[in-house]
């Protein structure tokens, strides 16, 4: 059964489509949807939405601090 739901104005992002489907299957295989009484495909969509939603602000924050990631400064100089 294909539970793909697209909402009005929702953009298709093929880079996460495969991951979303695998996440849906993983949630279903562990019956995680029963913990919150939400269908696995909607739960997977919500998790993907969260990841996309926080990605930009996290990157902007790291940029503001001058780092590429939490562990890797952009302009690291080592004094010898």
N, C-alpha and C. Protein backbone atom coordinates (compact mmCIF):
# COMPACT_ATOMS: atom_id res chain seq x y z
N UNK A 1 0.84 -1.17 0.00
CA UNK A 1 0.00 0.00 0.00
C UNK A 1 0.89 1.24 0.00
N UNK A 2 0.63 2.16 -0.91
CA UNK A 2 1.41 3.38 -1.01
C UNK A 2 0.69 4.49 -0.26
N UNK A 3 1.29 4.94 0.84
CA UNK A 3 0.68 5.98 1.66
C UNK A 3 1.29 7.35 1.41
N UNK A 4 1.87 7.55 0.23
CA UNK A 4 2.49 8.83 -0.06
C UNK A 4 1.43 9.91 -0.08
N UNK A 5 1.62 10.90 0.76
CA UNK A 5 0.69 12.01 0.84
C UNK A 5 1.45 13.27 0.49
N UNK A 6 0.96 14.04 -0.46
CA UNK A 6 1.55 15.32 -0.80
C UNK A 6 0.51 16.38 -0.50
N UNK A 7 0.96 17.42 0.20
CA UNK A 7 0.06 18.49 0.58
C UNK A 7 0.17 19.64 -0.39
N UNK A 8 -0.84 20.48 -0.46
CA UNK A 8 -0.86 21.62 -1.36
C UNK A 8 0.36 22.49 -1.07
N UNK A 9 1.11 22.81 -2.10
CA UNK A 9 2.28 23.65 -1.96
C UNK A 9 3.53 22.91 -1.50
N UNK A 10 3.42 21.62 -1.22
CA UNK A 10 4.58 20.86 -0.76
C UNK A 10 5.48 20.54 -1.95
N UNK A 11 6.75 20.85 -1.80
CA UNK A 11 7.72 20.58 -2.86
C UNK A 11 8.17 19.13 -2.78
N UNK A 12 8.44 18.54 -3.92
CA UNK A 12 8.98 17.18 -3.96
C UNK A 12 10.49 17.26 -3.87
N UNK A 13 11.06 16.54 -2.93
CA UNK A 13 12.50 16.52 -2.72
C UNK A 13 12.95 15.08 -2.83
N UNK A 14 13.43 14.70 -4.00
CA UNK A 14 13.80 13.30 -4.22
C UNK A 14 15.01 12.88 -3.40
N UNK A 15 15.79 13.85 -2.89
CA UNK A 15 16.95 13.47 -2.09
C UNK A 15 16.54 12.86 -0.76
N UNK A 16 15.37 13.18 -0.27
CA UNK A 16 14.92 12.60 1.00
C UNK A 16 13.78 11.60 0.82
N UNK A 17 13.27 11.44 -0.37
CA UNK A 17 12.15 10.52 -0.60
C UNK A 17 12.50 9.09 -0.20
N UNK A 18 13.68 8.62 -0.60
CA UNK A 18 14.09 7.25 -0.29
C UNK A 18 14.27 7.08 1.22
N UNK A 19 14.92 8.07 1.85
CA UNK A 19 15.12 8.02 3.30
C UNK A 19 13.78 8.03 4.02
N UNK A 20 12.85 8.85 3.56
CA UNK A 20 11.54 8.92 4.20
C UNK A 20 10.83 7.57 4.13
N UNK A 21 10.91 6.90 2.99
CA UNK A 21 10.28 5.59 2.82
C UNK A 21 10.95 4.56 3.74
N UNK A 22 12.27 4.58 3.80
CA UNK A 22 12.98 3.65 4.69
C UNK A 22 12.67 3.93 6.16
N UNK A 23 12.56 5.21 6.51
CA UNK A 23 12.20 5.58 7.88
C UNK A 23 10.80 5.09 8.21
N UNK A 24 9.88 5.27 7.28
CA UNK A 24 8.51 4.78 7.46
C UNK A 24 8.50 3.28 7.72
N UNK A 25 9.28 2.53 6.94
CA UNK A 25 9.34 1.08 7.10
C UNK A 25 9.98 0.70 8.44
N UNK A 26 11.02 1.44 8.84
CA UNK A 26 11.68 1.19 10.12
C UNK A 26 10.72 1.45 11.28
N UNK A 27 10.02 2.57 11.24
CA UNK A 27 9.05 2.89 12.28
C UNK A 27 7.98 1.80 12.37
N UNK A 28 7.52 1.36 11.22
CA UNK A 28 6.49 0.33 11.16
C UNK A 28 7.01 -1.01 11.70
N UNK A 29 8.24 -1.37 11.34
CA UNK A 29 8.77 -2.66 11.76
C UNK A 29 8.95 -2.75 13.27
N UNK A 30 9.09 -1.61 13.93
CA UNK A 30 9.22 -1.59 15.39
C UNK A 30 7.94 -1.12 16.08
N UNK A 31 6.89 -0.94 15.29
CA UNK A 31 5.57 -0.50 15.79
C UNK A 31 5.66 0.80 16.59
N UNK A 32 6.55 1.68 16.19
CA UNK A 32 6.73 2.96 16.88
C UNK A 32 5.48 3.84 16.75
N UNK A 33 4.77 3.67 15.66
CA UNK A 33 3.56 4.48 15.46
C UNK A 33 2.53 4.27 16.57
N UNK A 34 2.60 3.12 17.24
CA UNK A 34 1.66 2.84 18.32
C UNK A 34 1.93 3.69 19.56
N UNK A 35 3.16 4.17 19.71
CA UNK A 35 3.51 5.00 20.87
C UNK A 35 2.81 6.35 20.85
N UNK A 36 2.54 6.86 19.65
CA UNK A 36 1.91 8.18 19.56
C UNK A 36 0.60 8.15 18.79
N UNK A 37 0.12 6.95 18.47
CA UNK A 37 -1.15 6.79 17.77
C UNK A 37 -1.20 7.62 16.49
N UNK A 38 -0.12 7.51 15.72
CA UNK A 38 0.00 8.24 14.45
C UNK A 38 0.48 7.26 13.39
N UNK A 39 -0.12 7.26 12.20
CA UNK A 39 0.34 6.34 11.15
C UNK A 39 1.82 6.55 10.86
N UNK A 40 2.52 5.44 10.58
CA UNK A 40 3.97 5.50 10.37
C UNK A 40 4.37 6.46 9.25
N UNK A 41 3.58 6.54 8.17
CA UNK A 41 3.95 7.43 7.07
C UNK A 41 3.84 8.89 7.47
N UNK A 42 2.88 9.24 8.34
CA UNK A 42 2.77 10.62 8.81
C UNK A 42 3.88 10.94 9.83
N UNK A 43 4.22 9.97 10.65
CA UNK A 43 5.30 10.15 11.62
C UNK A 43 6.63 10.36 10.88
N UNK A 44 6.87 9.57 9.84
CA UNK A 44 8.10 9.72 9.04
C UNK A 44 8.12 11.10 8.39
N UNK A 45 7.01 11.55 7.86
CA UNK A 45 6.92 12.87 7.23
C UNK A 45 7.19 13.97 8.25
N UNK A 46 6.68 13.81 9.47
CA UNK A 46 6.90 14.80 10.52
C UNK A 46 8.38 14.86 10.90
N UNK A 47 9.03 13.71 11.01
CA UNK A 47 10.46 13.66 11.36
C UNK A 47 11.30 14.31 10.27
N UNK A 48 11.00 14.01 9.01
CA UNK A 48 11.71 14.62 7.89
C UNK A 48 11.50 16.14 7.91
N UNK A 49 10.28 16.58 8.17
CA UNK A 49 9.99 18.00 8.26
C UNK A 49 10.79 18.68 9.36
N UNK A 50 10.93 18.00 10.49
CA UNK A 50 11.72 18.54 11.60
C UNK A 50 13.19 18.69 11.19
N UNK A 51 13.73 17.66 10.58
CA UNK A 51 15.14 17.69 10.15
C UNK A 51 15.36 18.84 9.17
N UNK A 52 14.47 18.98 8.20
CA UNK A 52 14.58 20.07 7.23
C UNK A 52 14.41 21.43 7.91
N UNK A 53 13.51 21.48 8.87
CA UNK A 53 13.22 22.74 9.55
C UNK A 53 14.36 23.25 10.41
N UNK A 54 15.08 22.38 11.08
CA UNK A 54 16.16 22.81 11.96
C UNK A 54 17.50 22.90 11.25
N UNK A 55 17.63 22.29 10.09
CA UNK A 55 18.91 22.28 9.38
C UNK A 55 19.44 23.66 9.07
N UNK A 56 18.61 24.52 8.51
CA UNK A 56 19.03 25.87 8.14
C UNK A 56 19.46 26.70 9.34
N UNK A 57 18.63 26.79 10.39
CA UNK A 57 19.03 27.55 11.57
C UNK A 57 20.30 27.01 12.24
N UNK A 58 20.47 25.70 12.27
CA UNK A 58 21.69 25.13 12.86
C UNK A 58 22.91 25.55 12.05
N UNK A 59 22.80 25.48 10.72
CA UNK A 59 23.92 25.89 9.87
C UNK A 59 24.23 27.37 10.04
N UNK A 60 23.20 28.21 10.17
CA UNK A 60 23.43 29.65 10.37
C UNK A 60 24.10 29.90 11.71
N UNK A 61 23.70 29.16 12.73
CA UNK A 61 24.32 29.32 14.05
C UNK A 61 25.79 28.92 14.01
N UNK A 62 26.09 27.79 13.38
CA UNK A 62 27.48 27.34 13.26
C UNK A 62 28.30 28.36 12.47
N UNK A 63 27.70 28.90 11.42
CA UNK A 63 28.37 29.92 10.61
C UNK A 63 28.67 31.15 11.46
N UNK A 64 27.72 31.56 12.28
CA UNK A 64 27.90 32.72 13.15
C UNK A 64 29.06 32.51 14.11
N UNK A 65 29.20 31.26 14.61
CA UNK A 65 30.30 30.93 15.50
C UNK A 65 31.61 30.68 14.75
N UNK A 66 31.54 30.68 13.41
CA UNK A 66 32.74 30.49 12.60
C UNK A 66 33.23 29.07 12.53
N UNK A 67 32.32 28.10 12.59
CA UNK A 67 32.71 26.70 12.52
C UNK A 67 31.92 26.00 11.41
N UNK A 68 32.53 24.95 10.86
CA UNK A 68 31.84 24.14 9.85
C UNK A 68 30.89 23.15 10.51
N UNK A 69 31.29 22.69 11.69
CA UNK A 69 30.45 21.81 12.49
C UNK A 69 30.84 22.06 13.94
N UNK A 70 30.18 21.44 14.85
CA UNK A 70 30.45 21.67 16.26
C UNK A 70 31.91 21.37 16.60
N UNK A 71 32.50 20.39 15.96
CA UNK A 71 33.86 19.95 16.30
C UNK A 71 34.95 20.53 15.40
N UNK A 72 34.59 21.23 14.33
CA UNK A 72 35.59 21.65 13.35
C UNK A 72 35.53 23.15 13.05
N UNK A 73 36.38 23.94 13.68
CA UNK A 73 36.43 25.38 13.37
C UNK A 73 36.84 25.61 11.91
N UNK A 74 36.31 26.68 11.31
CA UNK A 74 36.66 27.00 9.91
C UNK A 74 38.10 27.46 9.78
N UNK A 75 38.51 28.38 10.62
CA UNK A 75 39.84 29.00 10.49
C UNK A 75 40.71 28.63 11.69
N UNK A 76 40.93 27.37 11.83
CA UNK A 76 41.70 26.91 12.98
C UNK A 76 43.19 27.09 12.71
N UNK A 77 43.88 27.76 13.61
CA UNK A 77 45.33 27.89 13.47
C UNK A 77 45.98 27.17 14.64
N UNK A 78 47.04 26.50 14.35
CA UNK A 78 47.75 25.74 15.37
C UNK A 78 49.08 26.42 15.61
N UNK A 79 49.31 26.85 16.85
CA UNK A 79 50.59 27.45 17.22
C UNK A 79 51.58 26.35 17.54
N UNK A 80 52.74 26.42 16.89
CA UNK A 80 53.77 25.41 17.12
C UNK A 80 54.88 25.98 17.95
